[in-house]
Amino acid sequence: MRARRRLLLAALAGCLPAAAFAQAQKKSVVVLFAGEEDDDDAATRVFFDEMERLGWSDGANVAYDKFYGRGTREYMESLARSAASSTPDLIYATTSALAVAAMKASDSVPIVFTSFSDPVAAGLVDSLKRPGRNATGAYNASGDGVRQRLELARQTMPGAKRVAVVLDRRATDFARQRELHQSAARALKADVSLIEFTNFEAVAKILAQLRREGVSAVVLTPSVTLLARRREVSETALRNRLALIAHRIEWAEAGALLSYGAEVADALKKSAVIADRLLNGAKAAETPVQIANKFELAVNQRVARALGVSLPPELLKRVDRVFN
């Protein structure tokens, strides 16, 4: 009996340091951003706050390694490859384009995304209920947002005879966005021009040309390139006296006249919940994509004043956020 007890105590003593070491190990999470640190850290703060609430304390049991894409698609893709090669416990991609790049770099590292693009159309998942791959996350469903934004463009700029829609040909769901805007324009019987671009350098020329053609309202579609450089785009639009209508609140804060779309904070919280599940052992392939379908309307009064636009009282009654 004494011999058995000694063996048992020795075995336990040998296990304790290993168990303590395993418990002390931090989970490594690489975070991929599209733009610059100053803008993107603030825009995604809700994700990290929710992770903290779920028990993931930065520096204690999780270590975040953040990469910033600086608005250059090729650089973002190289960051995704670097992130995957470090084999972290998780990659959090703040846009669908970054998630696609991460998936191309690795088919094994779990990836969580926050997407304004349809993740099925983007090739991120097989279906929303059963992703089937190494990526899952939160999807800011457009619902009737496309139609609503076209209506808002006409409502806020009643003198506009034509509305321009800018589409990124390299966006993960370009074809889907084009189809949605064409359908909405037909339903509204609106005069809408679809303008496509491939490289960011063309955007300034497009905006200047639209101004020369007498366009005053421009609807922006999901684009990692535009989002990452949203302040530059907004300033260029304002110089050309163009009112930008966008799909997420960061645009209204950066200088679009208004934004209408799924609530970003809701999607960020849902992404954190999924990240928590994956870090605790769940499989991305079996974890359903969460739908963020709370919508928010934001306006930028400073831009409205600069453009000489009087926002309709009925619209202001619906506003969730005002930037001055």
C-alpha atoms as a PDB file:
ATOM      1  CA  MET A   1       0.000   0.000   0.000  1.00  0.00           C
ATOM      2  CA  ARG A   2       2.809   2.410   0.908  1.00  0.00           C
ATOM      3  CA  ALA A   3       4.566   1.645  -2.362  1.00  0.00           C
ATOM      4  CA  ARG A   4       1.378   2.286  -4.315  1.00  0.00           C
ATOM      5  CA  ARG A   5       0.837   5.558  -2.461  1.00  0.00           C
ATOM      6  CA  ARG A   6       4.370   6.690  -3.237  1.00  0.00           C
ATOM      7  CA  LEU A   7       3.890   5.845  -6.906  1.00  0.00           C
ATOM      8  CA  LEU A   8       0.570   7.716  -6.995  1.00  0.00           C
ATOM      9  CA  LEU A   9       2.049  10.799  -5.322  1.00  0.00           C
ATOM     10  CA  ALA A  10       5.015  10.743  -7.692  1.00  0.00           C
ATOM     11  CA  ALA A  11       2.718  10.504 -10.678  1.00  0.00           C
ATOM     12  CA  LEU A  12       0.615  13.397  -9.438  1.00  0.00           C
ATOM     13  CA  ALA A  13       3.698  15.479  -8.737  1.00  0.00           C
ATOM     14  CA  GLY A  14       4.916  14.826 -12.247  1.00  0.00           C
ATOM     15  CA  CYS A  15       1.583  15.852 -13.756  1.00  0.00           C
ATOM     16  CA  LEU A  16       1.092  19.068 -11.842  1.00  0.00           C
ATOM     17  CA  PRO A  17       3.773  21.159 -13.525  1.00  0.00           C
ATOM     18  CA  ALA A  18       2.562  20.098 -16.980  1.00  0.00           C
ATOM     19  CA  ALA A  19      -1.048  20.873 -16.091  1.00  0.00           C
ATOM     20  CA  ALA A  20      -0.083  24.225 -14.641  1.00  0.00           C
ATOM     21  CA  PHE A  21       1.959  24.991 -17.766  1.00  0.00           C
ATOM     22  CA  ALA A  22      -0.925  24.038 -20.044  1.00  0.00           C
ATOM     23  CA  GLN A  23      -3.300  26.199 -18.052  1.00  0.00           C
ATOM     24  CA  ALA A  24      -0.913  29.137 -18.211  1.00  0.00           C
ATOM     25  CA  GLN A  25      -0.476  28.934 -21.987  1.00  0.00           C
ATOM     26  CA  LYS A  26      -1.989  31.866 -23.848  1.00  0.00           C
ATOM     27  CA  LYS A  27      -4.095  31.489 -26.937  1.00  0.00           C
ATOM     28  CA  SER A  28      -2.616  33.331 -29.895  1.00  0.00           C
ATOM     29  CA  VAL A  29      -4.999  35.375 -32.055  1.00  0.00           C
ATOM     30  CA  VAL A  30      -3.855  37.206 -35.166  1.00  0.00           C
ATOM     31  CA  VAL A  31      -6.091  40.149 -36.110  1.00  0.00           C
ATOM     32  CA  LEU A  32      -6.127  41.365 -39.705  1.00  0.00           C
ATOM     33  CA  PHE A  33      -7.183  44.962 -40.382  1.00  0.00           C
ATOM     34  CA  ALA A  34      -7.689  46.580 -43.772  1.00  0.00           C
ATOM     35  CA  GLY A  35      -6.549  50.111 -42.985  1.00  0.00           C
ATOM     36  CA  GLU A  36      -4.500  52.043 -40.465  1.00  0.00           C
ATOM     37  CA  GLU A  37      -4.170  51.521 -36.721  1.00  0.00           C
ATOM     38  CA  ASP A  38      -5.747  54.830 -35.665  1.00  0.00           C
ATOM     39  CA  ASP A  39      -8.976  54.195 -37.594  1.00  0.00           C
ATOM     40  CA  ASP A  40      -9.384  50.432 -37.386  1.00  0.00           C
ATOM     41  CA  ASP A  41      -8.579  49.905 -33.700  1.00  0.00           C
ATOM     42  CA  ALA A  42     -11.339  52.283 -32.694  1.00  0.00           C
ATOM     43  CA  ALA A  43     -13.791  50.843 -35.229  1.00  0.00           C
ATOM     44  CA  THR A  44     -13.411  47.294 -33.846  1.00  0.00           C
ATOM     45  CA  ARG A  45     -13.135  48.095 -30.138  1.00  0.00           C
ATOM     46  CA  VAL A  46     -16.458  46.360 -29.456  1.00  0.00           C
ATOM     47  CA  PHE A  47     -14.990  43.005 -30.536  1.00  0.00           C
ATOM     48  CA  PHE A  48     -12.172  43.178 -27.987  1.00  0.00           C
ATOM     49  CA  ASP A  49     -14.478  44.474 -25.257  1.00  0.00           C
ATOM     50  CA  GLU A  50     -16.790  41.518 -25.862  1.00  0.00           C
ATOM     51  CA  MET A  51     -13.846  39.100 -25.800  1.00  0.00           C
ATOM     52  CA  GLU A  52     -12.863  40.559 -22.427  1.00  0.00           C
ATOM     53  CA  ARG A  53     -16.401  40.094 -21.164  1.00  0.00           C
ATOM     54  CA  LEU A  54     -16.292  36.475 -22.295  1.00  0.00           C
ATOM     55  CA  GLY A  55     -13.168  35.896 -20.204  1.00  0.00           C
ATOM     56  CA  TRP A  56     -10.347  36.525 -22.676  1.00  0.00           C
ATOM     57  CA  SER A  57      -7.974  38.978 -21.050  1.00  0.00           C
ATOM     58  CA  ASP A  58      -5.279  40.403 -23.296  1.00  0.00           C
ATOM     59  CA  GLY A  59      -1.874  39.476 -21.909  1.00  0.00           C
ATOM     60  CA  ALA A  60      -3.307  36.946 -19.459  1.00  0.00           C
ATOM     61  CA  ASN A  61      -4.883  34.085 -21.412  1.00  0.00           C
ATOM     62  CA  VAL A  62      -4.869  35.532 -24.926  1.00  0.00           C
ATOM     63  CA  ALA A  63      -2.286  37.415 -26.962  1.00  0.00           C
ATOM     64  CA  TYR A  64      -3.398  39.537 -29.922  1.00  0.00           C
ATOM     65  CA  ASP A  65      -1.025  40.121 -32.806  1.00  0.00           C
ATOM     66  CA  LYS A  66      -2.424  42.905 -34.980  1.00  0.00           C
ATOM     67  CA  PHE A  67      -1.602  43.503 -38.645  1.00  0.00           C
ATOM     68  CA  TYR A  68      -2.709  46.582 -40.613  1.00  0.00           C
ATOM     69  CA  GLY A  69      -3.211  46.449 -44.390  1.00  0.00           C
ATOM     70  CA  ARG A  70      -2.762  50.185 -45.071  1.00  0.00           C
ATOM     71  CA  GLY A  71      -5.445  50.093 -47.739  1.00  0.00           C
ATOM     72  CA  THR A  72      -3.335  48.112 -50.212  1.00  0.00           C
ATOM     73  CA  ARG A  73      -4.888  44.845 -51.355  1.00  0.00           C
ATOM     74  CA  GLU A  74      -1.570  43.152 -52.240  1.00  0.00           C
ATOM     75  CA  TYR A  75      -0.119  44.107 -48.853  1.00  0.00           C
ATOM     76  CA  MET A  76      -3.216  42.726 -47.109  1.00  0.00           C
ATOM     77  CA  GLU A  77      -2.761  39.422 -48.913  1.00  0.00           C
ATOM     78  CA  SER A  78       0.879  39.230 -47.840  1.00  0.00           C
ATOM     79  CA  LEU A  79      -0.158  39.918 -44.246  1.00  0.00           C
ATOM     80  CA  ALA A  80      -2.666  37.074 -44.437  1.00  0.00           C
ATOM     81  CA  ARG A  81       0.070  34.718 -45.624  1.00  0.00           C
ATOM     82  CA  SER A  82       2.340  35.827 -42.780  1.00  0.00           C
ATOM     83  CA  ALA A  83      -0.476  35.373 -40.276  1.00  0.00           C
ATOM     84  CA  ALA A  84      -1.225  31.852 -41.462  1.00  0.00           C
ATOM     85  CA  SER A  85       2.442  30.825 -41.473  1.00  0.00           C
ATOM     86  CA  SER A  86       2.711  31.669 -37.768  1.00  0.00           C
ATOM     87  CA  THR A  87       0.024  29.005 -37.080  1.00  0.00           C
ATOM     88  CA  PRO A  88      -1.922  30.961 -34.441  1.00  0.00           C
ATOM     89  CA  ASP A  89      -4.823  29.438 -32.557  1.00  0.00           C
ATOM     90  CA  LEU A  90      -7.167  31.779 -34.437  1.00  0.00           C
ATOM     91  CA  ILE A  91      -7.198  34.436 -37.145  1.00  0.00           C
ATOM     92  CA  TYR A  92      -9.767  37.211 -36.838  1.00  0.00           C
ATOM     93  CA  ALA A  93     -10.337  38.882 -40.214  1.00  0.00           C
ATOM     94  CA  THR A  94     -12.207  42.159 -39.944  1.00  0.00           C
ATOM     95  CA  THR A  95     -13.464  42.007 -43.554  1.00  0.00           C
ATOM     96  CA  SER A  96     -14.488  39.248 -45.952  1.00  0.00           C
ATOM     97  CA  ALA A  97     -11.608  40.057 -48.337  1.00  0.00           C
ATOM     98  CA  LEU A  98      -9.090  39.520 -45.545  1.00  0.00           C
ATOM     99  CA  ALA A  99     -10.836  36.273 -44.606  1.00  0.00           C
ATOM    100  CA  VAL A 100     -10.620  35.062 -48.206  1.00  0.00           C
ATOM    101  CA  ALA A 101      -6.898  35.876 -48.268  1.00  0.00           C
ATOM    102  CA  ALA A 102      -6.379  34.018 -44.981  1.00  0.00           C
ATOM    103  CA  MET A 103      -8.253  30.981 -46.292  1.00  0.00           C
ATOM    104  CA  LYS A 104      -6.053  30.909 -49.390  1.00  0.00           C
ATOM    105  CA  ALA A 105      -3.030  30.892 -47.098  1.00  0.00           C
ATOM    106  CA  SER A 106      -4.308  28.140 -44.788  1.00  0.00           C
ATOM    107  CA  ASP A 107      -7.077  25.577 -44.811  1.00  0.00           C
ATOM    108  CA  SER A 108      -6.453  24.528 -41.212  1.00  0.00           C
ATOM    109  CA  VAL A 109      -6.085  27.631 -39.004  1.00  0.00           C
ATOM    110  CA  PRO A 110      -9.553  28.601 -37.668  1.00  0.00           C
ATOM    111  CA  ILE A 111     -10.728  31.927 -39.101  1.00  0.00           C
ATOM    112  CA  VAL A 112     -13.444  34.220 -37.756  1.00  0.00           C
ATOM    113  CA  PHE A 113     -14.716  37.015 -39.975  1.00  0.00           C
ATOM    114  CA  THR A 114     -16.987  40.032 -39.777  1.00  0.00           C
ATOM    115  CA  SER A 115     -18.430  40.455 -43.247  1.00  0.00           C
ATOM    116  CA  PHE A 116     -20.661  42.933 -45.050  1.00  0.00           C
ATOM    117  CA  SER A 117     -20.454  40.708 -48.118  1.00  0.00           C
ATOM    118  CA  ASP A 118     -22.394  37.489 -48.552  1.00  0.00           C
ATOM    119  CA  PRO A 119     -19.958  34.842 -47.215  1.00  0.00           C
ATOM    120  CA  VAL A 120     -21.440  32.152 -49.470  1.00  0.00           C
ATOM    121  CA  ALA A 121     -21.005  34.305 -52.581  1.00  0.00           C
ATOM    122  CA  ALA A 122     -17.508  35.212 -51.367  1.00  0.00           C
ATOM    123  CA  GLY A 123     -16.570  31.526 -51.140  1.00  0.00           C
ATOM    124  CA  LEU A 124     -15.918  31.675 -47.413  1.00  0.00           C
ATOM    125  CA  VAL A 125     -18.510  29.077 -46.430  1.00  0.00           C
ATOM    126  CA  ASP A 126     -20.569  26.361 -48.093  1.00  0.00           C
ATOM    127  CA  SER A 127     -23.696  27.543 -46.290  1.00  0.00           C
ATOM    128  CA  LEU A 128     -24.541  29.825 -43.399  1.00  0.00           C
ATOM    129  CA  LYS A 129     -25.808  26.942 -41.245  1.00  0.00           C
ATOM    130  CA  ARG A 130     -22.881  24.629 -41.924  1.00  0.00           C
ATOM    131  CA  PRO A 131     -19.771  26.495 -43.135  1.00  0.00           C
ATOM    132  CA  GLY A 132     -17.933  23.280 -44.011  1.00  0.00           C
ATOM    133  CA  ARG A 133     -14.494  24.916 -44.026  1.00  0.00           C
ATOM    134  CA  ASN A 134     -12.072  26.568 -41.618  1.00  0.00           C
ATOM    135  CA  ALA A 135     -13.899  29.917 -41.543  1.00  0.00           C
ATOM    136  CA  THR A 136     -17.067  31.197 -39.926  1.00  0.00           C
ATOM    137  CA  GLY A 137     -18.187  34.447 -38.378  1.00  0.00           C
ATOM    138  CA  ALA A 138     -20.785  37.191 -38.481  1.00  0.00           C
ATOM    139  CA  TYR A 139     -22.544  38.426 -41.609  1.00  0.00           C
ATOM    140  CA  ASN A 140     -24.086  41.870 -41.780  1.00  0.00           C
ATOM    141  CA  ALA A 141     -27.043  40.874 -43.934  1.00  0.00           C
ATOM    142  CA  SER A 142     -28.034  43.528 -46.447  1.00  0.00           C
ATOM    143  CA  GLY A 143     -31.779  42.800 -46.312  1.00  0.00           C
ATOM    144  CA  ASP A 144     -33.447  45.635 -48.199  1.00  0.00           C
ATOM    145  CA  GLY A 145     -30.507  47.901 -47.408  1.00  0.00           C
ATOM    146  CA  VAL A 146     -29.577  48.312 -51.076  1.00  0.00           C
ATOM    147  CA  ARG A 147     -33.008  49.650 -51.957  1.00  0.00           C
ATOM    148  CA  GLN A 148     -33.106  51.779 -48.803  1.00  0.00           C
ATOM    149  CA  ARG A 149     -29.790  53.438 -49.635  1.00  0.00           C
ATOM    150  CA  LEU A 150     -30.937  54.315 -53.140  1.00  0.00           C
ATOM    151  CA  GLU A 151     -34.108  55.814 -51.675  1.00  0.00           C
ATOM    152  CA  LEU A 152     -32.073  57.757 -49.108  1.00  0.00           C
ATOM    153  CA  ALA A 153     -29.858  59.113 -51.877  1.00  0.00           C
ATOM    154  CA  ARG A 154     -32.899  60.504 -53.686  1.00  0.00           C
ATOM    155  CA  GLN A 155     -34.524  61.679 -50.461  1.00  0.00           C
ATOM    156  CA  THR A 156     -31.495  63.644 -49.229  1.00  0.00           C
ATOM    157  CA  MET A 157     -30.555  64.965 -52.661  1.00  0.00           C
ATOM    158  CA  PRO A 158     -33.977  65.628 -54.258  1.00  0.00           C
ATOM    159  CA  GLY A 159     -32.429  67.593 -57.106  1.00  0.00           C
ATOM    160  CA  ALA A 160     -30.318  64.658 -58.206  1.00  0.00           C
ATOM    161  CA  LYS A 161     -31.527  63.365 -61.570  1.00  0.00           C
ATOM    162  CA  ARG A 162     -29.131  60.450 -61.497  1.00  0.00           C
ATOM    163  CA  VAL A 163     -27.517  58.408 -58.717  1.00  0.00           C
ATOM    164  CA  ALA A 164     -24.136  56.748 -59.237  1.00  0.00           C
ATOM    165  CA  VAL A 165     -23.256  53.420 -57.618  1.00  0.00           C
ATOM    166  CA  VAL A 166     -19.547  52.636 -57.271  1.00  0.00           C
ATOM    167  CA  LEU A 167     -18.608  48.943 -57.393  1.00  0.00           C
ATOM    168  CA  ASP A 168     -15.250  47.310 -56.736  1.00  0.00           C
ATOM    169  CA  ARG A 169     -14.682  44.635 -59.381  1.00  0.00           C
ATOM    170  CA  ARG A 170     -12.283  42.861 -57.001  1.00  0.00           C
ATOM    171  CA  ALA A 171     -14.777  42.752 -54.129  1.00  0.00           C
ATOM    172  CA  THR A 172     -15.580  39.258 -52.894  1.00  0.00           C
ATOM    173  CA  ASP A 173     -19.248  39.542 -53.920  1.00  0.00           C
ATOM    174  CA  PHE A 174     -18.987  41.982 -56.834  1.00  0.00           C
ATOM    175  CA  ALA A 175     -21.447  40.091 -59.058  1.00  0.00           C
ATOM    176  CA  ARG A 176     -23.995  39.838 -56.245  1.00  0.00           C
ATOM    177  CA  GLN A 177     -23.749  43.566 -55.455  1.00  0.00           C
ATOM    178  CA  ARG A 178     -24.154  44.488 -59.098  1.00  0.00           C
ATOM    179  CA  GLU A 179     -27.256  42.319 -59.386  1.00  0.00           C
ATOM    180  CA  LEU A 180     -28.799  43.722 -56.187  1.00  0.00           C
ATOM    181  CA  HIS A 181     -28.326  47.339 -57.290  1.00  0.00           C
ATOM    182  CA  GLN A 182     -29.666  46.689 -60.758  1.00  0.00           C
ATOM    183  CA  SER A 183     -32.772  45.035 -59.295  1.00  0.00           C
ATOM    184  CA  ALA A 184     -33.311  47.847 -56.780  1.00  0.00           C
ATOM    185  CA  ALA A 185     -32.945  50.506 -59.489  1.00  0.00           C
ATOM    186  CA  ARG A 186     -35.553  48.755 -61.642  1.00  0.00           C
ATOM    187  CA  ALA A 187     -37.940  48.405 -58.701  1.00  0.00           C
ATOM    188  CA  LEU A 188     -37.611  52.102 -57.856  1.00  0.00           C
ATOM    189  CA  LYS A 189     -37.617  53.159 -61.519  1.00  0.00           C
ATOM    190  CA  ALA A 190     -34.551  55.193 -60.659  1.00  0.00           C
ATOM    191  CA  ASP A 191     -31.902  56.536 -63.015  1.00  0.00           C
ATOM    192  CA  VAL A 192     -28.849  54.757 -61.635  1.00  0.00           C
ATOM    193  CA  SER A 193     -25.395  54.477 -63.188  1.00  0.00           C
ATOM    194  CA  LEU A 194     -23.192  51.556 -62.114  1.00  0.00           C
ATOM    195  CA  ILE A 195     -19.534  52.605 -62.113  1.00  0.00           C
ATOM    196  CA  GLU A 196     -16.887  49.918 -61.696  1.00  0.00           C
ATOM    197  CA  PHE A 197     -13.245  50.194 -60.683  1.00  0.00           C
ATOM    198  CA  THR A 198     -10.377  47.765 -60.190  1.00  0.00           C
ATOM    199  CA  ASN A 199      -7.561  49.875 -58.750  1.00  0.00           C
ATOM    200  CA  PHE A 200      -7.887  52.519 -56.053  1.00  0.00           C
ATOM    201  CA  GLU A 201      -5.987  55.028 -58.188  1.00  0.00           C
ATOM    202  CA  ALA A 202      -9.032  55.220 -60.471  1.00  0.00           C
ATOM    203  CA  VAL A 203     -11.420  56.297 -57.707  1.00  0.00           C
ATOM    204  CA  ALA A 204     -10.421  59.979 -57.607  1.00  0.00           C
ATOM    205  CA  LYS A 205     -10.804  60.210 -61.398  1.00  0.00           C
ATOM    206  CA  ILE A 206     -14.224  58.540 -61.214  1.00  0.00           C
ATOM    207  CA  LEU A 207     -15.476  60.978 -58.579  1.00  0.00           C
ATOM    208  CA  ALA A 208     -14.216  63.991 -60.531  1.00  0.00           C
ATOM    209  CA  GLN A 209     -15.867  62.704 -63.700  1.00  0.00           C
ATOM    210  CA  LEU A 210     -19.165  62.141 -61.908  1.00  0.00           C
ATOM    211  CA  ARG A 211     -19.110  65.723 -60.710  1.00  0.00           C
ATOM    212  CA  ARG A 212     -18.493  66.985 -64.249  1.00  0.00           C
ATOM    213  CA  GLU A 213     -21.477  64.923 -65.388  1.00  0.00           C
ATOM    214  CA  GLY A 214     -23.723  66.638 -62.850  1.00  0.00           C
ATOM    215  CA  VAL A 215     -24.047  63.717 -60.417  1.00  0.00           C
ATOM    216  CA  SER A 216     -24.455  64.797 -56.788  1.00  0.00           C
ATOM    217  CA  ALA A 217     -25.212  61.515 -54.958  1.00  0.00           C
ATOM    218  CA  VAL A 218     -22.914  58.468 -54.935  1.00  0.00           C
ATOM    219  CA  VAL A 219     -23.752  55.134 -53.313  1.00  0.00           C
ATOM    220  CA  LEU A 220     -20.780  53.068 -52.160  1.00  0.00           C
ATOM    221  CA  THR A 221     -20.822  49.262 -52.089  1.00  0.00           C
ATOM    222  CA  PRO A 222     -18.714  46.939 -49.892  1.00  0.00           C
ATOM    223  CA  SER A 223     -15.030  47.221 -50.798  1.00  0.00           C
ATOM    224  CA  VAL A 224     -12.069  46.517 -48.562  1.00  0.00           C
ATOM    225  CA  THR A 225      -9.997  48.986 -50.597  1.00  0.00           C
ATOM    226  CA  LEU A 226     -12.465  51.849 -50.163  1.00  0.00           C
ATOM    227  CA  LEU A 227     -13.163  51.081 -46.506  1.00  0.00           C
ATOM    228  CA  ALA A 228      -9.483  51.052 -45.615  1.00  0.00           C
ATOM    229  CA  ARG A 229      -9.038  54.501 -47.174  1.00  0.00           C
ATOM    230  CA  ARG A 230     -12.443  55.902 -46.306  1.00  0.00           C
ATOM    231  CA  ARG A 231     -11.168  59.265 -45.054  1.00  0.00           C
ATOM    232  CA  GLU A 232      -9.280  59.887 -48.270  1.00  0.00           C
ATOM    233  CA  VAL A 233     -12.305  58.882 -50.364  1.00  0.00           C
ATOM    234  CA  SER A 234     -14.618  61.079 -48.271  1.00  0.00           C
ATOM    235  CA  GLU A 235     -12.347  64.109 -48.607  1.00  0.00           C
ATOM    236  CA  THR A 236     -12.114  63.610 -52.379  1.00  0.00           C
ATOM    237  CA  ALA A 237     -15.889  63.337 -52.656  1.00  0.00           C
ATOM    238  CA  LEU A 238     -16.394  66.505 -50.621  1.00  0.00           C
ATOM    239  CA  ARG A 239     -13.979  68.433 -52.833  1.00  0.00           C
ATOM    240  CA  ASN A 240     -16.112  67.355 -55.770  1.00  0.00           C
ATOM    241  CA  ARG A 241     -19.342  68.318 -53.995  1.00  0.00           C
ATOM    242  CA  LEU A 242     -20.554  64.722 -53.951  1.00  0.00           C
ATOM    243  CA  ALA A 243     -22.742  63.248 -51.212  1.00  0.00           C
ATOM    244  CA  LEU A 244     -21.624  59.742 -50.279  1.00  0.00           C
ATOM    245  CA  ILE A 245     -24.240  57.208 -49.172  1.00  0.00           C
ATOM    246  CA  ALA A 246     -22.632  54.155 -47.584  1.00  0.00           C
ATOM    247  CA  HIS A 247     -23.433  50.849 -45.929  1.00  0.00           C
ATOM    248  CA  ARG A 248     -21.631  50.997 -42.571  1.00  0.00           C
ATOM    249  CA  ILE A 249     -21.281  53.573 -39.831  1.00  0.00           C
ATOM    250  CA  GLU A 250     -17.511  54.037 -40.191  1.00  0.00           C
ATOM    251  CA  TRP A 251     -18.248  55.810 -43.459  1.00  0.00           C
ATOM    252  CA  ALA A 252     -20.550  58.379 -41.843  1.00  0.00           C
ATOM    253  CA  GLU A 253     -17.913  59.031 -39.202  1.00  0.00           C
ATOM    254  CA  ALA A 254     -15.196  59.405 -41.850  1.00  0.00           C
ATOM    255  CA  GLY A 255     -17.120  61.878 -44.011  1.00  0.00           C
ATOM    256  CA  ALA A 256     -19.961  60.280 -45.931  1.00  0.00           C
ATOM    257  CA  LEU A 257     -23.210  62.235 -45.784  1.00  0.00           C
ATOM    258  CA  LEU A 258     -24.971  59.229 -44.316  1.00  0.00           C
ATOM    259  CA  SER A 259     -24.749  55.483 -43.839  1.00  0.00           C
ATOM    260  CA  TYR A 260     -27.445  52.859 -43.538  1.00  0.00           C
ATOM    261  CA  GLY A 261     -26.781  49.200 -42.902  1.00  0.00           C
ATOM    262  CA  ALA A 262     -26.522  46.405 -40.390  1.00  0.00           C
ATOM    263  CA  GLU A 263     -25.307  47.540 -36.987  1.00  0.00           C
ATOM    264  CA  VAL A 264     -21.540  47.067 -36.850  1.00  0.00           C
ATOM    265  CA  ALA A 265     -21.420  46.700 -33.061  1.00  0.00           C
ATOM    266  CA  ASP A 266     -23.919  43.838 -33.216  1.00  0.00           C
ATOM    267  CA  ALA A 267     -21.781  42.011 -35.789  1.00  0.00           C
ATOM    268  CA  LEU A 268     -18.590  42.571 -33.805  1.00  0.00           C
ATOM    269  CA  LYS A 269     -20.174  41.093 -30.675  1.00  0.00           C
ATOM    270  CA  LYS A 270     -21.386  38.078 -32.634  1.00  0.00           C
ATOM    271  CA  SER A 271     -17.900  37.599 -34.076  1.00  0.00           C
ATOM    272  CA  ALA A 272     -16.440  37.620 -30.566  1.00  0.00           C
ATOM    273  CA  VAL A 273     -18.929  35.005 -29.393  1.00  0.00           C
ATOM    274  CA  ILE A 274     -17.880  32.754 -32.271  1.00  0.00           C
ATOM    275  CA  ALA A 275     -14.177  33.404 -31.587  1.00  0.00           C
ATOM    276  CA  ASP A 276     -14.787  32.355 -27.977  1.00  0.00           C
ATOM    277  CA  ARG A 277     -16.371  29.090 -29.144  1.00  0.00           C
ATOM    278  CA  LEU A 278     -13.519  28.254 -31.497  1.00  0.00           C
ATOM    279  CA  LEU A 279     -10.863  29.034 -28.903  1.00  0.00           C
ATOM    280  CA  ASN A 280     -12.696  26.660 -26.576  1.00  0.00           C
ATOM    281  CA  GLY A 281     -12.545  23.828 -29.083  1.00  0.00           C
ATOM    282  CA  ALA A 282     -15.502  24.224 -31.466  1.00  0.00           C
ATOM    283  CA  LYS A 283     -14.885  23.531 -35.155  1.00  0.00           C
ATOM    284  CA  ALA A 284     -15.304  26.385 -37.633  1.00  0.00           C
ATOM    285  CA  ALA A 285     -16.758  23.984 -40.195  1.00  0.00           C
ATOM    286  CA  GLU A 286     -19.593  23.114 -37.804  1.00  0.00           C
ATOM    287  CA  THR A 287     -20.217  26.554 -36.266  1.00  0.00           C
ATOM    288  CA  PRO A 288     -23.037  28.430 -38.059  1.00  0.00           C
ATOM    289  CA  VAL A 289     -22.490  31.952 -39.352  1.00  0.00           C
ATOM    290  CA  GLN A 290     -24.329  34.471 -37.172  1.00  0.00           C
ATOM    291  CA  ILE A 291     -26.546  37.028 -38.897  1.00  0.00           C
ATOM    292  CA  ALA A 292     -26.384  40.655 -37.769  1.00  0.00           C
ATOM    293  CA  ASN A 293     -29.691  42.158 -38.848  1.00  0.00           C
ATOM    294  CA  LYS A 294     -30.123  45.161 -36.569  1.00  0.00           C
ATOM    295  CA  PHE A 295     -29.967  48.191 -38.849  1.00  0.00           C
ATOM    296  CA  GLU A 296     -28.655  51.665 -38.036  1.00  0.00           C
ATOM    297  CA  LEU A 297     -28.846  55.019 -39.770  1.00  0.00           C
ATOM    298  CA  ALA A 298     -26.124  57.603 -39.236  1.00  0.00           C
ATOM    299  CA  VAL A 299     -25.665  61.100 -40.647  1.00  0.00           C
ATOM    300  CA  ASN A 300     -22.767  63.529 -40.734  1.00  0.00           C
ATOM    301  CA  GLN A 301     -24.027  67.046 -40.090  1.00  0.00           C
ATOM    302  CA  ARG A 302     -20.655  68.617 -40.799  1.00  0.00           C
ATOM    303  CA  VAL A 303     -20.710  67.184 -44.311  1.00  0.00           C
ATOM    304  CA  ALA A 304     -24.343  68.202 -44.773  1.00  0.00           C
ATOM    305  CA  ARG A 305     -23.443  71.796 -43.921  1.00  0.00           C
ATOM    306  CA  ALA A 306     -20.434  71.742 -46.239  1.00  0.00           C
ATOM    307  CA  LEU A 307     -22.603  70.478 -49.108  1.00  0.00           C
ATOM    308  CA  GLY A 308     -25.431  72.868 -48.284  1.00  0.00           C
ATOM    309  CA  VAL A 309     -27.817  69.951 -47.768  1.00  0.00           C
ATOM    310  CA  SER A 310     -30.836  70.285 -45.490  1.00  0.00           C
ATOM    311  CA  LEU A 311     -31.617  66.820 -44.205  1.00  0.00           C
ATOM    312  CA  PRO A 312     -35.386  66.152 -44.172  1.00  0.00           C
ATOM    313  CA  PRO A 313     -36.984  66.274 -40.691  1.00  0.00           C
ATOM    314  CA  GLU A 314     -38.621  62.874 -41.231  1.00  0.00           C
ATOM    315  CA  LEU A 315     -35.180  61.373 -41.897  1.00  0.00           C
ATOM    316  CA  LEU A 316     -33.641  62.990 -38.820  1.00  0.00           C
ATOM    317  CA  LYS A 317     -36.328  61.394 -36.663  1.00  0.00           C
ATOM    318  CA  ARG A 318     -35.061  57.951 -37.743  1.00  0.00           C
ATOM    319  CA  VAL A 319     -31.360  58.643 -37.151  1.00  0.00           C
ATOM    320  CA  ASP A 320     -29.520  56.437 -34.666  1.00  0.00           C
ATOM    321  CA  ARG A 321     -26.212  58.349 -34.676  1.00  0.00           C
ATOM    322  CA  VAL A 322     -25.208  61.902 -35.602  1.00  0.00           C
ATOM    323  CA  PHE A 323     -21.645  62.975 -36.305  1.00  0.00           C
ATOM    324  CA  ASN A 324     -20.837  66.671 -36.037  1.00  0.00           C
END
